[in-house]
Amino acid sequence: MTEHGCVGCSVIFLSRFLFSFVPLCCSMRDVTAGYLQRTTDRQAPMNQLIELTEVVFVIQSQRISYHAQRAQQSREHLFHQAQTLNQDLPDVLFLHELSAYEGNWGILPALPRLAEDYCQSSLWVYFLEEETVIDLARLLQVLARFSSGREWFLGRALRDEAATIIHHYAFSEEPASFSYPDFAAGWALSCVLVKRLASYMKYEPPKSDFTIDLKHEGKPVAREDIFVAVKTCQKFHSDRVSVVKKTWAKDAALLEYYSDISDPAIPTVDLGVPNTERGHCAKTFAILRRFAWGGVTGAPWLLLVDDDTLISLNRLRRLLRCYNPGEAVSIGERYGYGLTNGGYSYLSGGAGMVFSRVTVSRILSSGCSCYSPDAPDDMVLGKCLSRLGLPVTHSPQFHQARPDDYPKELLVRQSPVSFHKHWNINPIAVYHQWLMDGREAFHHLLTRERKQEL
């Protein structure tokens, strides 16, 4: 029923919360017709008609200009279909405009507003990503199969093959027993369920503060426009840094390794900041100051990565062409802390964090700083951005964990930009499999075959 040019990410915690009310029903794809036939006793009569005005569409949009424009194009496509069907235009909302609160992307904070302002006169709330393409006529046919007077959570179900860190090892004993929605395929809640969820949120907010995994045209930015900062320390010089050099470092025009010692063999830059076992906030802010100073580089983009981050700089260059470095832009895999209670969004450091020079200048000029040298740098930066009212932009192409920690059906539809962690994998093989572009992969294969012949 849906087509999608890029994959979104599912909110595992949202799904766990919803699952406690009603399980996810796989009903948003033609392949589930058998399921629909088997459950007709629980559904509405097949001849029940659903009007477009009884469905509220919520585009999971983001505030930065590129994504706002994409959301507007999606809205116009929906309106065009409505006119073709000779129906009145439905409500099509932008998630980032529901309120000034940046945390609405976590969905749960937006439910009370949706219940109060829209579910009084509508029957369904349908969520979609900017790139999701909907056949409205078929959507109405599917929704007509389900009684709107009951609680329904409908979507294309995904399941983890094994317990994964990106989902906090939820359902570790039997991970496949839990399903969560493929956001790129679109998903729906009956308004009856939305109202009960909104009411429940007032009195029993979710127990966890963290929100983790909710899932072009033009010329790529120049290699010289991205300054790459790799955070490392002496004990990882021989293994992790060597992987960086053997894989993606060759694609960087401007790159520095920041360590706790100066090692001319790499070389590394000693910022005068002692290494910490976790957090690395002091080191990160020292990097920000060095970048903002301008003596090292005048590049408009800063990429911050760990020494065990695997990344495709060529794909990142293509991604960044969608964004204006003259704006305060922050891009990566977005997480959230305390979103249901006025919290903040942040970029996961391991997946790689991209900041425009404008953003870095705003952060430093605000006086924002670390509360301790080993504070979690990504969360501190997220709190800084929140205080400044600057958006945190999510891209599903960034990944905080290894490929094995994500459903393969999501990854094969993406063009991944990054993965994180060397644990229990061959990082060079992972880079070759997931992050090499066609021409680079062909060159690598040709080189390997020539070596074998010799």
Protein backbone atom coordinates (compact mmCIF):
# COMPACT_ATOMS: atom_id res chain seq x y z
CA MET A 1 0.00 0.00 0.00
CA THR A 2 2.94 2.28 0.51
CA GLU A 3 6.10 2.95 -1.35
CA HIS A 4 9.12 4.61 0.14
CA GLY A 5 12.37 6.01 -1.15
CA CYS A 6 14.04 5.90 2.22
CA VAL A 7 13.41 4.01 5.40
CA GLY A 8 12.39 5.58 8.67
CA CYS A 9 13.05 4.28 12.08
CA SER A 10 10.53 2.76 14.45
CA VAL A 11 10.21 3.95 18.02
CA ILE A 12 10.75 0.80 19.99
CA PHE A 13 9.76 2.40 23.27
CA LEU A 14 6.64 3.87 21.73
CA SER A 15 5.79 0.40 20.46
CA ARG A 16 6.34 -1.17 23.87
CA PHE A 17 4.05 1.45 25.38
CA LEU A 18 1.35 0.91 22.74
CA PHE A 19 1.78 -2.85 22.90
CA SER A 20 0.67 -2.76 26.52
CA PHE A 21 -2.69 -1.49 25.24
CA VAL A 22 -3.13 -3.35 21.96
CA PRO A 23 -0.75 -5.40 19.78
CA LEU A 24 0.43 -4.16 16.43
CA CYS A 25 -1.68 -5.64 13.62
CA CYS A 26 0.07 -6.24 10.30
CA SER A 27 -2.57 -4.82 8.05
CA MET A 28 -0.92 -2.14 5.98
CA ARG A 29 0.37 -4.27 3.13
CA ASP A 30 -1.32 -6.46 0.50
CA VAL A 31 0.63 -9.47 1.73
CA THR A 32 -1.48 -9.43 4.87
CA ALA A 33 -4.75 -10.09 3.07
CA GLY A 34 -4.80 -13.56 4.58
CA TYR A 35 -4.63 -12.03 8.03
CA LEU A 36 -7.54 -9.74 7.25
CA GLN A 37 -9.67 -12.60 6.05
CA ARG A 38 -8.94 -14.65 9.14
CA THR A 39 -10.01 -11.87 11.50
CA THR A 40 -13.22 -10.62 9.93
CA ASP A 41 -15.12 -11.39 13.10
CA ARG A 42 -13.22 -8.58 14.83
CA GLN A 43 -13.55 -6.10 12.00
CA ALA A 44 -16.14 -3.77 10.61
CA PRO A 45 -18.38 -4.79 7.69
CA MET A 46 -16.51 -4.62 4.40
CA ASN A 47 -19.04 -2.16 2.93
CA GLN A 48 -18.46 0.43 5.64
CA LEU A 49 -17.22 3.63 4.02
CA ILE A 50 -14.48 5.83 5.41
CA GLU A 51 -14.31 9.47 4.35
CA LEU A 52 -10.94 11.18 4.05
CA THR A 53 -12.06 13.84 6.48
CA GLU A 54 -12.37 11.10 9.11
CA VAL A 55 -8.63 10.47 8.90
CA VAL A 56 -6.05 12.87 10.31
CA PHE A 57 -2.68 12.57 8.57
CA VAL A 58 0.43 13.38 10.60
CA ILE A 59 3.64 13.78 8.64
CA GLN A 60 6.62 13.04 10.87
CA SER A 61 8.35 16.21 9.74
CA GLN A 62 11.36 18.12 11.03
CA ARG A 63 11.87 21.83 11.45
CA ILE A 64 15.00 22.35 9.35
CA SER A 65 14.13 23.92 5.96
CA TYR A 66 14.95 20.94 3.73
CA HIS A 67 12.69 18.58 5.68
CA ALA A 68 9.92 21.16 6.00
CA GLN A 69 9.91 21.49 2.20
CA ARG A 70 9.76 17.70 1.76
CA ALA A 71 6.82 17.55 4.16
CA GLN A 72 5.02 20.25 2.20
CA GLN A 73 5.48 18.23 -1.01
CA SER A 74 4.02 15.19 0.75
CA ARG A 75 1.01 17.23 1.89
CA GLU A 76 0.41 18.55 -1.62
CA HIS A 77 0.52 14.99 -2.98
CA LEU A 78 -2.16 13.95 -0.49
CA PHE A 79 -4.33 16.93 -1.39
CA HIS A 80 -4.01 16.13 -5.10
CA GLN A 81 -5.19 12.56 -4.50
CA ALA A 82 -8.12 13.81 -2.42
CA GLN A 83 -9.24 16.06 -5.27
CA THR A 84 -8.92 13.14 -7.71
CA LEU A 85 -11.21 11.11 -5.44
CA ASN A 86 -13.68 14.03 -5.32
CA GLN A 87 -13.39 14.18 -1.53
CA ASP A 88 -12.93 17.11 0.81
CA LEU A 89 -9.35 17.81 1.83
CA PRO A 90 -8.34 16.01 5.04
CA ASP A 91 -6.34 17.48 7.90
CA VAL A 92 -2.63 16.96 7.09
CA LEU A 93 -0.47 18.03 10.03
CA PHE A 94 3.26 18.55 10.36
CA LEU A 95 4.54 16.95 13.53
CA HIS A 96 7.10 19.70 14.09
CA GLU A 97 4.33 22.35 13.99
CA LEU A 98 2.00 20.76 16.57
CA SER A 99 3.77 22.78 19.24
CA ALA A 100 7.07 24.52 19.90
CA TYR A 101 8.26 21.45 21.80
CA GLU A 102 11.14 19.78 19.97
CA GLY A 103 10.35 16.38 21.51
CA ASN A 104 7.15 15.77 19.55
CA TRP A 105 9.12 13.48 17.24
CA GLY A 106 8.82 10.86 20.00
CA ILE A 107 5.05 10.73 19.16
CA LEU A 108 3.90 10.16 22.75
CA PRO A 109 4.24 13.87 23.69
CA ALA A 110 2.03 14.76 20.71
CA LEU A 111 -0.83 12.39 21.57
CA PRO A 112 -2.71 14.68 24.03
CA ARG A 113 -2.86 17.46 21.41
CA LEU A 114 -4.04 15.04 18.72
CA ALA A 115 -6.69 13.57 21.02
CA GLU A 116 -8.04 16.94 22.12
CA ASP A 117 -7.95 18.90 18.87
CA TYR A 118 -8.50 16.30 16.18
CA CYS A 119 -9.94 13.05 17.53
CA GLN A 120 -13.20 14.71 18.57
CA SER A 121 -14.35 14.72 14.95
CA SER A 122 -12.09 12.11 13.32
CA LEU A 123 -11.85 8.33 13.54
CA TRP A 124 -8.23 7.58 12.67
CA VAL A 125 -4.78 9.14 12.97
CA TYR A 126 -2.38 8.02 10.24
CA PHE A 127 1.35 8.68 10.66
CA LEU A 128 3.74 8.82 7.72
CA GLU A 129 7.25 9.94 6.95
CA GLU A 130 8.17 12.69 4.52
CA GLU A 131 9.12 10.14 1.86
CA THR A 132 6.14 7.80 2.33
CA VAL A 133 3.86 7.66 -0.72
CA ILE A 134 0.25 6.66 -0.02
CA ASP A 135 -2.49 5.34 -2.26
CA LEU A 136 -5.40 7.04 -0.47
CA ALA A 137 -8.12 4.95 -2.12
CA ARG A 138 -6.50 1.72 -0.95
CA LEU A 139 -5.83 3.16 2.49
CA LEU A 140 -9.52 3.91 2.93
CA GLN A 141 -10.34 0.34 1.85
CA VAL A 142 -8.00 -1.07 4.49
CA LEU A 143 -9.27 1.17 7.28
CA ALA A 144 -12.85 0.25 6.38
CA ARG A 145 -12.09 -3.33 7.38
CA PHE A 146 -11.60 -2.31 11.01
CA SER A 147 -14.23 -0.97 13.38
CA SER A 148 -13.22 2.56 14.29
CA GLY A 149 -15.06 2.14 17.58
CA ARG A 150 -12.37 -0.22 18.82
CA GLU A 151 -8.70 0.24 19.73
CA TRP A 152 -6.46 -0.48 16.75
CA PHE A 153 -2.71 -0.15 16.21
CA LEU A 154 -2.14 -0.92 12.52
CA GLY A 155 1.06 -1.08 10.54
CA ARG A 156 3.69 -3.19 8.85
CA ALA A 157 5.32 -5.18 11.64
CA LEU A 158 9.08 -5.53 12.06
CA ARG A 159 10.75 -7.92 14.49
CA ASP A 160 14.29 -8.23 15.81
CA GLU A 161 16.06 -11.48 15.04
CA ALA A 162 18.13 -11.11 18.21
CA ALA A 163 18.20 -8.85 21.27
CA THR A 164 19.89 -5.59 20.32
CA ILE A 165 21.39 -2.65 22.17
CA ILE A 166 19.45 -0.12 20.06
CA HIS A 167 16.26 -1.49 21.65
CA HIS A 168 17.77 -1.77 25.14
CA TYR A 169 17.77 -5.57 24.75
CA ALA A 170 13.99 -5.58 25.09
CA PHE A 171 12.38 -9.03 25.05
CA SER A 172 15.86 -10.56 25.15
CA GLU A 173 14.55 -14.06 25.83
CA GLU A 174 12.33 -14.04 22.74
CA PRO A 175 12.95 -10.88 20.67
CA ALA A 176 10.83 -12.09 17.72
CA SER A 177 7.76 -12.14 19.97
CA PHE A 178 7.62 -8.33 19.94
CA SER A 179 6.66 -6.38 16.82
CA TYR A 180 7.02 -2.68 16.08
CA PRO A 181 5.96 -0.57 13.10
CA ASP A 182 7.96 0.20 10.00
CA PHE A 183 7.49 3.96 10.05
CA ALA A 184 8.36 4.31 6.37
CA ALA A 185 5.36 2.16 5.46
CA GLY A 186 2.94 4.34 7.44
CA TRP A 187 0.97 3.30 10.51
CA ALA A 188 -2.41 4.11 12.05
CA LEU A 189 -4.07 4.45 15.44
CA SER A 190 -7.80 4.49 15.92
CA CYS A 191 -8.91 7.65 17.70
CA VAL A 192 -10.43 5.52 20.44
CA LEU A 193 -6.91 4.30 21.22
CA VAL A 194 -5.37 7.78 20.83
CA LYS A 195 -7.78 9.16 23.43
CA ARG A 196 -7.05 6.42 25.93
CA LEU A 197 -3.31 6.76 25.41
CA ALA A 198 -3.51 10.53 25.91
CA SER A 199 -5.52 10.06 29.09
CA TYR A 200 -3.10 7.44 30.35
CA MET A 201 -0.14 9.74 29.67
CA LYS A 202 -1.52 12.31 32.10
CA TYR A 203 -1.55 9.94 35.05
CA GLU A 204 0.98 7.20 34.19
CA PRO A 205 3.78 8.57 32.01
CA PRO A 206 6.20 6.00 30.55
CA LYS A 207 8.78 4.67 32.97
CA SER A 208 11.84 5.12 30.73
CA ASP A 209 13.33 8.56 30.06
CA PHE A 210 15.11 7.48 26.89
CA THR A 211 13.73 7.47 23.35
CA ILE A 212 16.17 5.78 21.00
CA ASP A 213 14.95 4.04 17.88
CA LEU A 214 11.65 5.50 16.69
CA LYS A 215 14.38 4.32 11.88
CA HIS A 216 18.53 13.75 -4.18
CA GLU A 217 19.21 15.70 -6.44
CA GLY A 218 22.12 18.12 -6.76
CA LYS A 219 25.87 18.08 -6.41
CA PRO A 220 27.48 16.54 -3.30
CA VAL A 221 29.30 18.97 -1.04
CA ALA A 222 33.02 19.22 -1.69
CA ARG A 223 35.42 17.00 0.23
CA GLU A 224 37.10 20.14 1.56
CA ASP A 225 33.80 21.34 3.05
CA ILE A 226 33.79 18.65 5.77
CA PHE A 227 36.29 18.72 8.62
CA VAL A 228 36.49 15.30 10.26
CA ALA A 229 37.39 15.01 13.95
CA VAL A 230 38.15 11.50 15.23
CA LYS A 231 38.16 11.02 19.01
CA THR A 232 40.64 8.39 20.16
CA CYS A 233 43.14 7.60 22.93
CA GLN A 234 46.52 5.90 23.17
CA LYS A 235 45.23 2.40 23.91
CA PHE A 236 43.25 2.33 20.66
CA HIS A 237 45.91 3.73 18.32
CA SER A 238 47.05 0.32 17.06
CA ASP A 239 43.66 -1.32 16.46
CA ARG A 240 40.82 1.16 16.02
CA VAL A 241 42.76 3.92 14.29
CA SER A 242 44.29 1.38 11.92
CA VAL A 243 40.76 0.36 10.87
CA VAL A 244 39.88 3.98 10.14
CA LYS A 245 42.97 4.30 7.97
CA LYS A 246 42.22 1.07 6.10
CA THR A 247 38.62 2.00 5.36
CA TRP A 248 37.13 5.49 5.18
CA ALA A 249 39.95 7.92 6.09
CA LYS A 250 41.14 8.03 2.46
CA ASP A 251 37.93 9.85 1.50
CA ALA A 252 38.57 12.73 3.91
CA ALA A 253 40.27 15.87 2.66
CA LEU A 254 40.49 17.35 6.18
CA LEU A 255 40.90 14.96 9.10
CA GLU A 256 42.51 15.09 12.54
CA TYR A 257 42.83 12.42 15.23
CA TYR A 258 42.44 13.77 18.77
CA SER A 259 44.11 11.75 21.51
CA ASP A 260 45.56 12.01 24.99
CA ILE A 261 49.10 11.90 23.58
CA SER A 262 50.84 13.24 20.50
CA ASP A 263 51.73 10.35 18.21
CA PRO A 264 53.54 11.52 15.04
CA ALA A 265 53.15 8.08 13.43
CA ILE A 266 49.40 8.58 12.97
CA PRO A 267 49.58 11.62 13.58
CA THR A 268 47.43 12.59 16.54
CA VAL A 269 46.73 15.95 18.15
CA ASP A 270 46.99 16.22 21.94
CA LEU A 271 44.43 18.79 23.08
CA GLY A 272 45.76 18.79 26.62
CA VAL A 273 42.65 17.00 27.85
CA PRO A 274 43.25 13.82 29.89
CA ASN A 275 41.44 10.73 28.62
CA THR A 276 38.31 9.62 30.44
CA GLU A 277 36.74 6.16 30.41
CA ARG A 278 33.39 7.54 29.29
CA GLY A 279 31.62 10.71 28.29
CA HIS A 280 34.56 12.63 26.76
CA CYS A 281 32.74 15.95 27.09
CA ALA A 282 35.86 18.01 27.79
CA LYS A 283 37.61 16.58 24.72
CA THR A 284 34.59 17.26 22.50
CA PHE A 285 34.31 20.88 23.59
CA ALA A 286 38.05 21.34 23.00
CA ILE A 287 37.48 20.07 19.44
CA LEU A 288 34.59 22.50 18.98
CA ARG A 289 36.79 25.40 20.07
CA ARG A 290 39.59 24.32 17.73
CA PHE A 291 37.14 24.10 14.82
CA ALA A 292 35.51 27.46 15.61
CA TRP A 293 38.90 29.18 15.89
CA GLY A 294 39.31 28.81 12.13
CA GLY A 295 43.09 28.47 12.17
CA VAL A 296 42.92 24.79 11.26
CA THR A 297 40.05 24.88 8.79
CA GLY A 298 37.38 27.17 7.42
CA ALA A 299 35.16 24.25 6.38
CA PRO A 300 31.42 24.88 6.86
CA TRP A 301 30.77 21.37 8.27
CA LEU A 302 32.19 19.52 11.27
CA LEU A 303 31.88 15.74 11.56
CA LEU A 304 32.56 14.32 15.04
CA VAL A 305 33.10 10.54 15.22
CA ASP A 306 34.49 7.94 17.58
CA ASP A 307 37.51 5.84 16.59
CA ASP A 308 35.20 2.81 16.25
CA THR A 309 32.71 4.59 13.99
CA LEU A 310 32.49 3.24 10.44
CA ILE A 311 31.30 5.86 7.98
CA SER A 312 30.88 6.54 4.28
CA LEU A 313 32.06 10.07 3.67
CA ASN A 314 30.90 9.95 0.05
CA ARG A 315 27.33 9.20 1.12
CA LEU A 316 27.55 11.87 3.80
CA ARG A 317 28.60 14.40 1.15
CA ARG A 318 25.53 13.49 -0.88
CA LEU A 319 23.31 13.80 2.19
CA LEU A 320 24.65 17.21 3.17
CA ARG A 321 23.79 18.72 -0.22
CA CYS A 322 20.21 18.85 1.05
CA TYR A 323 21.13 21.25 3.87
CA ASN A 324 22.19 24.87 4.05
CA PRO A 325 25.38 25.32 6.12
CA GLY A 326 24.34 28.92 6.64
CA GLU A 327 21.63 27.61 8.99
CA ALA A 328 22.12 26.16 12.45
CA VAL A 329 22.12 22.51 11.35
CA SER A 330 22.80 19.43 13.51
CA ILE A 331 22.38 16.03 11.85
CA GLY A 332 22.75 12.41 12.98
CA GLU A 333 20.79 9.65 14.66
CA ARG A 334 18.47 11.41 17.06
CA TYR A 335 17.78 10.07 20.52
CA GLY A 336 15.67 11.64 23.23
CA TYR A 337 15.81 11.99 27.00
CA GLY A 338 12.73 12.74 29.09
CA LEU A 339 10.67 13.73 26.06
CA THR A 340 7.38 13.00 27.83
CA ASN A 341 8.36 15.36 30.62
CA GLY A 342 9.85 18.39 28.90
CA GLY A 343 13.20 16.75 28.09
CA TYR A 344 15.43 17.19 25.08
CA SER A 345 16.67 15.54 21.89
CA TYR A 346 20.30 14.77 21.15
CA LEU A 347 22.47 13.13 18.49
CA SER A 348 24.01 9.79 19.32
CA GLY A 349 27.77 10.34 19.33
CA GLY A 350 28.80 6.88 18.15
CA ALA A 351 26.79 7.20 14.93
CA GLY A 352 28.60 10.42 14.07
CA MET A 353 27.43 13.98 14.70
CA VAL A 354 27.42 16.64 11.97
CA PHE A 355 27.28 20.34 12.85
CA SER A 356 27.31 23.41 10.66
CA ARG A 357 29.84 26.06 11.65
CA VAL A 358 26.87 28.26 12.57
CA THR A 359 25.74 25.67 15.13
CA VAL A 360 29.20 25.33 16.66
CA SER A 361 29.49 29.11 17.01
CA ARG A 362 26.05 29.35 18.63
CA ILE A 363 26.88 26.61 21.14
CA LEU A 364 30.21 28.14 22.19
CA SER A 365 28.97 31.74 22.32
CA SER A 366 26.08 30.68 24.56
CA GLY A 367 28.47 29.70 27.36
CA CYS A 368 27.22 26.12 27.29
CA SER A 369 29.78 23.76 28.82
CA CYS A 370 30.39 20.37 30.40
CA TYR A 371 29.28 19.81 33.99
CA SER A 372 32.23 17.38 34.30
CA PRO A 373 35.06 16.27 31.97
CA ASP A 374 33.53 12.80 31.59
CA ALA A 375 29.93 13.95 31.07
CA PRO A 376 28.22 12.35 28.06
CA ASP A 377 29.17 14.77 25.30
CA ASP A 378 26.28 13.95 22.99
CA MET A 379 23.68 14.51 25.70
CA VAL A 380 25.33 17.74 26.89
CA LEU A 381 25.34 19.04 23.32
CA GLY A 382 21.68 18.04 22.98
CA LYS A 383 20.80 19.98 26.11
CA CYS A 384 22.71 22.99 24.75
CA LEU A 385 20.81 22.87 21.47
CA SER A 386 17.53 22.57 23.33
CA ARG A 387 18.27 25.63 25.46
CA LEU A 388 19.17 27.60 22.34
CA GLY A 389 15.99 26.49 20.56
CA LEU A 390 18.01 24.89 17.75
CA PRO A 391 16.61 21.80 16.00
CA VAL A 392 18.18 18.34 16.15
CA THR A 393 17.71 16.77 12.73
CA HIS A 394 17.33 13.01 12.43
CA SER A 395 18.64 10.97 9.51
CA PRO A 396 17.89 7.22 9.50
CA GLN A 397 21.12 6.70 7.53
CA PHE A 398 23.17 7.11 10.73
CA HIS A 399 23.40 4.08 13.03
CA GLN A 400 24.62 3.97 16.63
CA ALA A 401 25.13 0.20 16.54
CA ARG A 402 26.34 -2.59 14.23
CA PRO A 403 24.41 -3.80 11.16
CA ASP A 404 23.50 -6.98 13.04
CA ASP A 405 21.56 -4.87 15.52
CA TYR A 406 19.04 -3.70 12.89
CA PRO A 407 16.42 -5.58 10.84
CA LYS A 408 18.00 -6.38 7.48
CA GLU A 409 14.79 -5.39 5.70
CA LEU A 410 15.39 -1.83 6.92
CA LEU A 411 19.06 -1.66 5.97
CA VAL A 412 18.65 -3.01 2.44
CA ARG A 413 16.28 -0.14 1.63
CA GLN A 414 18.73 2.44 2.94
CA SER A 415 22.02 3.84 1.80
CA PRO A 416 23.66 3.73 5.26
CA VAL A 417 26.04 6.50 6.20
CA SER A 418 27.42 5.04 9.41
CA PHE A 419 27.62 2.18 11.90
CA HIS A 420 29.27 1.98 15.30
CA LYS A 421 31.21 -0.56 17.39
CA HIS A 422 33.77 -3.22 16.46
CA TRP A 423 32.47 -5.69 19.01
CA ASN A 424 32.16 -9.25 17.72
CA ILE A 425 32.47 -8.24 14.05
CA ASN A 426 35.12 -7.77 11.39
CA PRO A 427 34.87 -3.97 10.99
CA ILE A 428 36.69 -3.91 7.66
CA ALA A 429 34.33 -6.54 6.24
CA VAL A 430 31.34 -4.58 7.55
CA TYR A 431 32.64 -1.45 5.85
CA HIS A 432 33.08 -3.29 2.55
CA GLN A 433 29.60 -4.84 2.73
CA TRP A 434 27.52 -1.90 3.92
CA LEU A 435 29.36 1.37 3.31
CA MET A 436 31.22 1.01 0.03
CA ASP A 437 29.65 2.60 -3.04
CA GLY A 438 29.49 0.69 -6.31
CA ARG A 439 32.60 2.13 -7.95
CA GLU A 440 34.66 1.84 -4.77
CA ALA A 441 33.45 -1.72 -4.16
CA PHE A 442 34.34 -2.70 -7.74
CA HIS A 443 37.84 -1.22 -7.38
CA HIS A 444 38.30 -3.09 -4.10
CA LEU A 445 37.20 -6.38 -5.68
CA LEU A 446 39.49 -5.84 -8.67
CA THR A 447 42.46 -5.07 -6.42
CA ARG A 448 41.81 -8.15 -4.31
CA GLU A 449 41.61 -10.40 -7.40
CA ARG A 450 44.88 -9.00 -8.74
CA LYS A 451 46.59 -9.70 -5.41
CA GLN A 452 45.27 -13.27 -5.48
CA GLU A 453 46.64 -13.75 -9.01
CA LEU A 454 50.08 -12.61 -7.85
